[in-house]
Amino acid sequence: MSMAIGLDERWSKVFVANGDVGLEVFALQAFLAVLIFTALHVTATIEESRVAEEAAALGERRLREAHEQLEVKVAARTADLVEALGAKSRFLANMSHELRTPLNSIIGFAGVMEQELAGPLTEDQRTQLGMIHRSGNRLLRLVNDVLDYSRIESGDETVSPTHFDLCELVDDVSSSLASEARAKGIQLGVAAPAESLKLCSDSRKVRQILLNLADNAVKFTDAGEVTIGCAKDDAGITLTVSDTGIGIAPDQRSSIMDDFTQLDRSDGMKPDGTGLGLAIVRGLVALLGGRVALVSELGAGSTFRVWLPNMPDEFCLDQSPHQAGETDRRAE
């Protein structure tokens, strides 16, 4: 400001010497004041911009450092999670093996005794053996469900396609559940073509899909019938499981195949199982490149339809269809 005053005095003297006074001096002083103010404002703005840029750079640097630290933590946690999942899968596999061995023996010997190969049975003995057989099969399915779910969840489940007869597989699943259906007074039927249906896919997984759906149908059907069917089209096959059970409410249909989901019964009874059966169906169907659909009416039953593609022959491990069963296997 002293510089401005000095300039004002100097220029005032010049104007006075020239005889110019009054308005001219005031105008020049005002112009100089505006000029100095503008210069100071520009300087302050430049300083503010520099401070803002430094703050932004500091913020970016801190954000980058935080991001790098977070990536390190995420990588470490991911490694721990992968290790934990691997340990869990190994544990479940070992436990499943340890449980399966005695269970298979129990189920096998119960079956032998039911056929009276070890001697005649009384009615009470036959009833008790049937209970052992059914309970053993149900426990074995629970063990298999836990192991299958663990493999699907961890991404360890692989596909091993071979050629097999789908009609024989449907009959096998029906036979596996015949005892339980008979115990509940349910009619268990099969709707399949008379001729063989050859398919290239993973037979174990297709069987598991059909078994889980049919087991669920028997579980939630108190009277009437359960029908297991199959059909073939140009691109693949369709599996169907229909029942006359309690049906599924509209608000439950979208989540019925979620993990650990169990259907609410109108009678308040809690169903057996882990709630993994349909979740495993969903995972296996996706793994095989198929799709699943549900049609249900509350109080009138449900129908699950699963479409699976017929894999090209070159993908099958056996490379060629089995010749056995090409003729009508139901012909007497």
Protein backbone atom coordinates (compact mmCIF):
# COMPACT_ATOMS: atom_id res chain seq x y z
CA MET A 1 0.00 0.00 0.00
CA SER A 2 2.95 2.32 0.65
CA MET A 3 4.05 1.75 -2.94
CA ALA A 4 0.62 2.80 -4.13
CA ILE A 5 0.79 5.95 -2.01
CA GLY A 6 4.25 6.73 -3.36
CA LEU A 7 3.06 6.36 -6.91
CA ASP A 8 0.03 8.45 -6.17
CA GLU A 9 2.17 11.25 -4.79
CA ARG A 10 4.58 11.11 -7.75
CA TRP A 11 1.87 11.17 -10.36
CA SER A 12 -0.02 13.82 -8.38
CA LYS A 13 3.01 16.07 -8.59
CA VAL A 14 3.25 15.47 -12.33
CA PHE A 15 -0.37 16.38 -12.82
CA VAL A 16 -0.01 19.42 -10.58
CA ALA A 17 3.09 20.53 -12.50
CA ASN A 18 1.18 20.31 -15.74
CA GLY A 19 -1.67 22.16 -14.25
CA ASP A 20 -3.98 19.07 -14.29
CA VAL A 21 -5.60 18.59 -10.91
CA GLY A 22 -8.72 17.16 -9.34
CA LEU A 23 -10.54 14.45 -11.32
CA GLU A 24 -7.51 13.24 -13.32
CA VAL A 25 -5.48 12.51 -10.14
CA PHE A 26 -8.38 10.65 -8.57
CA ALA A 27 -8.96 8.51 -11.69
CA LEU A 28 -5.32 7.45 -11.89
CA GLN A 29 -5.22 6.57 -8.20
CA ALA A 30 -8.35 4.43 -8.60
CA PHE A 31 -6.89 2.66 -11.65
CA LEU A 32 -3.67 1.86 -9.81
CA ALA A 33 -5.58 0.58 -6.79
CA VAL A 34 -7.64 -1.77 -8.99
CA LEU A 35 -4.49 -2.97 -10.74
CA ILE A 36 -2.73 -3.73 -7.46
CA PHE A 37 -5.83 -5.45 -6.04
CA THR A 38 -6.14 -7.60 -9.15
CA ALA A 39 -2.47 -8.60 -8.95
CA LEU A 40 -2.84 -9.53 -5.29
CA HIS A 41 -6.03 -11.52 -6.05
CA VAL A 42 -4.35 -13.42 -8.89
CA THR A 43 -1.41 -14.22 -6.61
CA ALA A 44 -3.76 -15.48 -3.90
CA THR A 45 -5.70 -17.58 -6.44
CA ILE A 46 -2.50 -19.15 -7.73
CA GLU A 47 -1.47 -19.95 -4.16
CA GLU A 48 -4.87 -21.48 -3.42
CA SER A 49 -4.66 -23.60 -6.58
CA ARG A 50 -1.20 -24.80 -5.62
CA VAL A 51 -2.40 -25.74 -2.13
CA ALA A 52 -5.46 -27.51 -3.59
CA GLU A 53 -3.30 -29.46 -6.06
CA GLU A 54 -0.93 -30.51 -3.30
CA ALA A 55 -3.89 -31.59 -1.15
CA ALA A 56 -5.39 -33.54 -4.07
CA ALA A 57 -2.05 -35.20 -4.78
CA LEU A 58 -1.69 -36.09 -1.11
CA GLY A 59 -5.23 -37.48 -1.07
CA GLU A 60 -4.58 -39.56 -4.18
CA ARG A 61 -1.34 -40.88 -2.72
CA ARG A 62 -3.04 -41.84 0.53
CA LEU A 63 -5.93 -43.42 -1.38
CA ARG A 64 -3.49 -45.41 -3.52
CA GLU A 65 -1.61 -46.57 -0.44
CA ALA A 66 -4.88 -47.56 1.26
CA HIS A 67 -5.96 -49.42 -1.89
CA GLU A 68 -2.66 -51.29 -2.05
CA GLN A 69 -2.94 -52.20 1.63
CA LEU A 70 -6.51 -53.37 1.06
CA GLU A 71 -5.42 -55.51 -1.90
CA VAL A 72 -2.76 -57.14 0.25
CA LYS A 73 -5.32 -57.86 2.97
CA VAL A 74 -7.86 -59.20 0.45
CA ALA A 75 -5.23 -61.46 -1.11
CA ALA A 76 -4.27 -62.77 2.32
CA ARG A 77 -7.90 -63.33 3.32
CA THR A 78 -8.62 -65.00 -0.03
CA ALA A 79 -5.68 -67.35 0.45
CA ASP A 80 -6.93 -68.17 3.95
CA LEU A 81 -10.44 -68.76 2.60
CA VAL A 82 -9.20 -71.04 -0.18
CA GLU A 83 -7.16 -73.00 2.34
CA ALA A 84 -10.15 -73.23 4.69
CA LEU A 85 -12.43 -74.41 1.87
CA GLY A 86 -9.85 -76.97 0.84
CA ALA A 87 -9.53 -78.21 4.41
CA LYS A 88 -13.31 -78.40 4.71
CA SER A 89 -13.62 -80.34 1.45
CA ARG A 90 -10.89 -82.77 2.53
CA PHE A 91 -12.53 -83.23 5.92
CA LEU A 92 -15.97 -83.84 4.41
CA ALA A 93 -14.54 -86.25 1.84
CA ASN A 94 -12.74 -88.24 4.53
CA MET A 95 -15.74 -88.22 6.87
CA SER A 96 -18.09 -89.20 4.05
CA HIS A 97 -15.86 -92.13 3.18
CA GLU A 98 -15.72 -93.23 6.81
CA LEU A 99 -19.50 -92.99 7.11
CA ARG A 100 -20.31 -94.57 3.76
CA THR A 101 -18.38 -97.78 4.39
CA PRO A 102 -20.34 -98.96 7.46
CA LEU A 103 -23.60 -97.57 6.07
CA ASN A 104 -23.25 -99.58 2.88
CA SER A 105 -22.62 -102.69 4.97
CA ILE A 106 -25.69 -102.05 7.13
CA ILE A 107 -27.89 -101.42 4.10
CA GLY A 108 -26.48 -104.42 2.26
CA PHE A 109 -26.96 -106.87 5.13
CA ALA A 110 -30.45 -105.52 5.80
CA GLY A 111 -31.29 -106.17 2.16
CA VAL A 112 -29.91 -109.71 2.36
CA MET A 113 -31.99 -110.44 5.45
CA GLU A 114 -35.12 -108.93 3.85
CA GLN A 115 -34.74 -111.42 1.01
CA GLU A 116 -34.67 -114.18 3.65
CA LEU A 117 -31.34 -115.42 2.36
CA ALA A 118 -30.29 -115.98 5.99
CA GLY A 119 -33.54 -117.74 6.91
CA PRO A 120 -37.27 -117.05 7.18
CA LEU A 121 -38.51 -113.88 8.88
CA THR A 122 -41.46 -113.09 11.06
CA GLU A 123 -43.68 -110.12 10.15
CA ASP A 124 -42.20 -108.04 12.99
CA GLN A 125 -38.66 -108.84 11.84
CA ARG A 126 -39.52 -107.89 8.27
CA THR A 127 -41.00 -104.59 9.44
CA GLN A 128 -37.96 -103.78 11.58
CA LEU A 129 -35.55 -104.67 8.78
CA GLY A 130 -37.51 -102.41 6.45
CA MET A 131 -37.06 -99.56 8.92
CA ILE A 132 -33.30 -100.26 9.09
CA HIS A 133 -33.08 -100.33 5.31
CA ARG A 134 -35.03 -97.09 4.83
CA SER A 135 -33.19 -95.24 7.60
CA GLY A 136 -29.83 -96.40 6.29
CA ASN A 137 -30.66 -95.24 2.76
CA ARG A 138 -31.86 -91.86 4.03
CA LEU A 139 -28.71 -91.36 6.10
CA LEU A 140 -26.58 -92.35 3.12
CA ARG A 141 -28.36 -89.77 0.97
CA LEU A 142 -27.74 -87.10 3.61
CA VAL A 143 -24.03 -87.94 3.63
CA ASN A 144 -23.96 -87.81 -0.17
CA ASP A 145 -25.82 -84.48 -0.15
CA VAL A 146 -23.29 -82.87 2.17
CA LEU A 147 -20.37 -84.12 0.09
CA ASP A 148 -21.96 -83.11 -3.24
CA TYR A 149 -22.85 -79.66 -1.93
CA SER A 150 -19.31 -79.14 -0.66
CA ARG A 151 -17.85 -80.07 -4.04
CA ILE A 152 -20.24 -77.83 -5.96
CA GLU A 153 -19.64 -74.92 -3.58
CA SER A 154 -15.85 -75.19 -3.85
CA GLY A 155 -15.89 -75.74 -7.64
CA ASP A 156 -14.28 -79.18 -7.30
CA GLU A 157 -17.15 -81.05 -8.96
CA THR A 158 -16.20 -82.27 -12.44
CA VAL A 159 -18.18 -83.85 -15.27
CA SER A 160 -17.38 -87.40 -16.44
CA PRO A 161 -19.72 -88.11 -19.37
CA THR A 162 -20.38 -91.65 -20.56
CA HIS A 163 -23.11 -93.33 -22.58
CA PHE A 164 -25.89 -94.87 -20.51
CA ASP A 165 -29.52 -95.95 -20.76
CA LEU A 166 -31.74 -93.27 -19.24
CA CYS A 167 -34.72 -95.62 -18.88
CA GLU A 168 -32.65 -98.02 -16.79
CA LEU A 169 -31.54 -95.12 -14.63
CA VAL A 170 -35.17 -94.05 -14.06
CA ASP A 171 -36.07 -97.62 -13.06
CA ASP A 172 -33.10 -97.71 -10.68
CA VAL A 173 -34.18 -94.48 -8.96
CA SER A 174 -37.73 -95.77 -8.67
CA SER A 175 -36.49 -98.99 -7.08
CA SER A 176 -34.37 -97.04 -4.60
CA LEU A 177 -37.44 -95.17 -3.30
CA ALA A 178 -39.98 -97.99 -3.57
CA SER A 179 -39.66 -99.02 0.07
CA GLU A 180 -40.19 -95.48 1.39
CA ALA A 181 -43.14 -94.87 -0.93
CA ARG A 182 -44.72 -98.17 0.08
CA ALA A 183 -44.29 -97.33 3.77
CA LYS A 184 -46.26 -94.08 3.24
CA GLY A 185 -48.92 -95.73 1.10
CA ILE A 186 -47.88 -93.74 -1.97
CA GLN A 187 -48.03 -95.14 -5.49
CA LEU A 188 -44.66 -94.71 -7.20
CA GLY A 189 -44.92 -94.80 -10.99
CA VAL A 190 -42.59 -94.59 -13.98
CA ALA A 191 -43.43 -92.81 -17.24
CA ALA A 192 -40.70 -93.74 -19.72
CA PRO A 193 -40.54 -95.03 -23.31
CA ALA A 194 -40.51 -98.79 -23.83
CA GLU A 195 -37.34 -98.57 -25.91
CA SER A 196 -33.93 -97.62 -24.55
CA LEU A 197 -32.91 -93.97 -24.44
CA LYS A 198 -29.17 -93.64 -24.88
CA LEU A 199 -27.64 -90.49 -23.50
CA CYS A 200 -24.12 -89.09 -23.29
CA SER A 201 -23.79 -87.30 -19.96
CA ASP A 202 -22.57 -87.84 -16.40
CA SER A 203 -24.79 -90.71 -15.27
CA ARG A 204 -23.96 -90.28 -11.57
CA LYS A 205 -25.02 -86.64 -11.62
CA VAL A 206 -28.15 -87.33 -13.67
CA ARG A 207 -29.08 -90.04 -11.17
CA GLN A 208 -28.44 -87.67 -8.26
CA ILE A 209 -30.66 -85.00 -9.84
CA LEU A 210 -33.50 -87.46 -10.37
CA LEU A 211 -33.08 -89.10 -6.96
CA ASN A 212 -33.12 -85.78 -5.10
CA LEU A 213 -36.25 -84.61 -6.92
CA ALA A 214 -38.06 -87.92 -6.44
CA ASP A 215 -37.01 -88.21 -2.79
CA ASN A 216 -38.34 -84.71 -2.18
CA ALA A 217 -41.61 -85.61 -3.89
CA VAL A 218 -42.07 -88.71 -1.70
CA LYS A 219 -41.20 -86.70 1.40
CA PHE A 220 -43.87 -84.05 0.76
CA THR A 221 -46.60 -86.36 -0.54
CA ASP A 222 -48.83 -87.87 2.13
CA ALA A 223 -51.31 -89.53 -0.22
CA GLY A 224 -51.66 -90.19 -3.93
CA GLU A 225 -48.77 -90.81 -6.26
CA VAL A 226 -45.33 -89.77 -7.40
CA THR A 227 -44.39 -90.25 -11.05
CA ILE A 228 -40.85 -90.28 -12.42
CA GLY A 229 -40.52 -89.82 -16.17
CA CYS A 230 -38.10 -89.15 -19.00
CA ALA A 231 -38.26 -88.24 -22.68
CA LYS A 232 -35.76 -87.41 -25.40
CA ASP A 233 -35.67 -84.73 -28.08
CA ASP A 234 -33.15 -83.87 -30.80
CA ALA A 235 -30.87 -81.88 -28.48
CA GLY A 236 -31.23 -83.60 -25.13
CA ILE A 237 -33.53 -85.20 -22.58
CA THR A 238 -36.22 -84.07 -20.17
CA LEU A 239 -36.60 -85.54 -16.70
CA THR A 240 -39.92 -85.05 -14.90
CA VAL A 241 -40.95 -85.71 -11.32
CA SER A 242 -44.62 -85.09 -10.53
CA ASP A 243 -46.45 -85.56 -7.25
CA THR A 244 -49.87 -85.03 -5.69
CA GLY A 245 -48.34 -83.59 -2.54
CA ILE A 246 -48.84 -80.37 -0.60
CA GLY A 247 -47.63 -78.11 -3.42
CA ILE A 248 -45.52 -74.97 -3.11
CA ALA A 249 -46.87 -71.52 -2.26
CA PRO A 250 -46.20 -68.78 -4.86
CA ASP A 251 -44.02 -66.79 -2.45
CA GLN A 252 -41.76 -69.82 -1.90
CA ARG A 253 -41.26 -70.92 -5.51
CA SER A 254 -38.49 -68.46 -6.35
CA SER A 255 -36.39 -69.48 -3.32
CA ILE A 256 -37.22 -73.17 -3.04
CA MET A 257 -33.89 -74.16 -4.63
CA ASP A 258 -31.77 -71.89 -2.44
CA ASP A 259 -29.22 -73.38 -0.04
CA PHE A 260 -30.62 -74.81 3.22
CA THR A 261 -34.20 -73.97 2.23
CA GLN A 262 -36.97 -76.26 3.41
CA LEU A 263 -40.61 -76.12 2.44
CA ASP A 264 -43.04 -74.94 5.11
CA ARG A 265 -45.71 -77.54 5.72
CA SER A 266 -49.27 -76.46 6.44
CA ASP A 267 -49.47 -79.00 9.29
CA GLY A 268 -46.47 -77.42 11.02
CA MET A 269 -44.36 -80.59 10.83
CA LYS A 270 -40.65 -80.01 10.22
CA PRO A 271 -39.43 -82.07 7.24
CA ASP A 272 -36.40 -84.33 7.47
CA GLY A 273 -33.18 -83.42 5.71
CA THR A 274 -30.67 -80.62 5.42
CA GLY A 275 -32.45 -78.39 2.92
CA LEU A 276 -29.70 -79.09 0.38
CA GLY A 277 -31.46 -81.52 -1.97
CA LEU A 278 -32.89 -78.97 -4.40
CA ALA A 279 -29.83 -76.70 -4.10
CA ILE A 280 -27.73 -79.66 -5.26
CA VAL A 281 -30.17 -80.24 -8.14
CA ARG A 282 -29.74 -76.60 -9.18
CA GLY A 283 -25.94 -76.84 -9.01
CA LEU A 284 -25.71 -80.15 -10.90
CA VAL A 285 -28.14 -79.03 -13.61
CA ALA A 286 -26.06 -75.88 -14.15
CA LEU A 287 -22.87 -77.96 -14.23
CA LEU A 288 -24.33 -80.18 -16.96
CA GLY A 289 -25.50 -77.17 -18.98
CA GLY A 290 -29.20 -77.73 -18.41
CA ARG A 291 -32.13 -75.89 -16.91
CA VAL A 292 -34.86 -76.67 -14.38
CA ALA A 293 -38.47 -75.49 -14.23
CA LEU A 294 -41.20 -75.80 -11.63
CA VAL A 295 -44.98 -75.91 -11.97
CA SER A 296 -46.89 -76.12 -8.70
CA GLU A 297 -50.27 -75.44 -7.15
CA LEU A 298 -50.67 -75.18 -3.40
CA GLY A 299 -52.53 -78.22 -2.14
CA ALA A 300 -52.50 -79.95 -5.54
CA GLY A 301 -48.89 -81.05 -6.03
CA SER A 302 -45.81 -80.07 -8.01
CA THR A 303 -43.95 -80.99 -11.19
CA PHE A 304 -40.23 -80.42 -11.68
CA ARG A 305 -38.90 -80.57 -15.24
CA VAL A 306 -35.18 -80.78 -15.93
CA TRP A 307 -33.80 -80.45 -19.45
CA LEU A 308 -30.24 -81.68 -20.03
CA PRO A 309 -28.24 -81.57 -23.27
CA ASN A 310 -27.05 -84.74 -24.96
CA MET A 311 -23.28 -84.26 -25.13
CA PRO A 312 -21.48 -85.09 -28.41
CA ASP A 313 -20.07 -88.62 -28.60
CA GLU A 314 -16.50 -87.33 -28.76
CA PHE A 315 -16.90 -85.88 -25.26
CA CYS A 316 -17.89 -89.24 -23.77
CA LEU A 317 -15.14 -91.14 -22.00
CA ASP A 318 -16.28 -94.46 -23.48
CA GLN A 319 -16.35 -92.91 -27.01
CA SER A 320 -19.20 -95.14 -28.21
CA PRO A 321 -22.70 -96.02 -27.00
CA HIS A 322 -23.18 -99.27 -25.10
CA GLN A 323 -24.86 -101.90 -27.20
CA ALA A 324 -26.59 -103.57 -24.29
CA GLY A 325 -30.22 -102.68 -23.85
CA GLU A 326 -30.80 -101.50 -27.42
CA THR A 327 -33.78 -103.83 -27.73
CA ASP A 328 -37.00 -103.39 -25.83
CA ARG A 329 -35.95 -104.13 -22.28
CA ARG A 330 -39.57 -104.31 -21.14
CA ALA A 331 -40.52 -106.98 -23.64
CA GLU A 332 -41.36 -110.21 -21.93
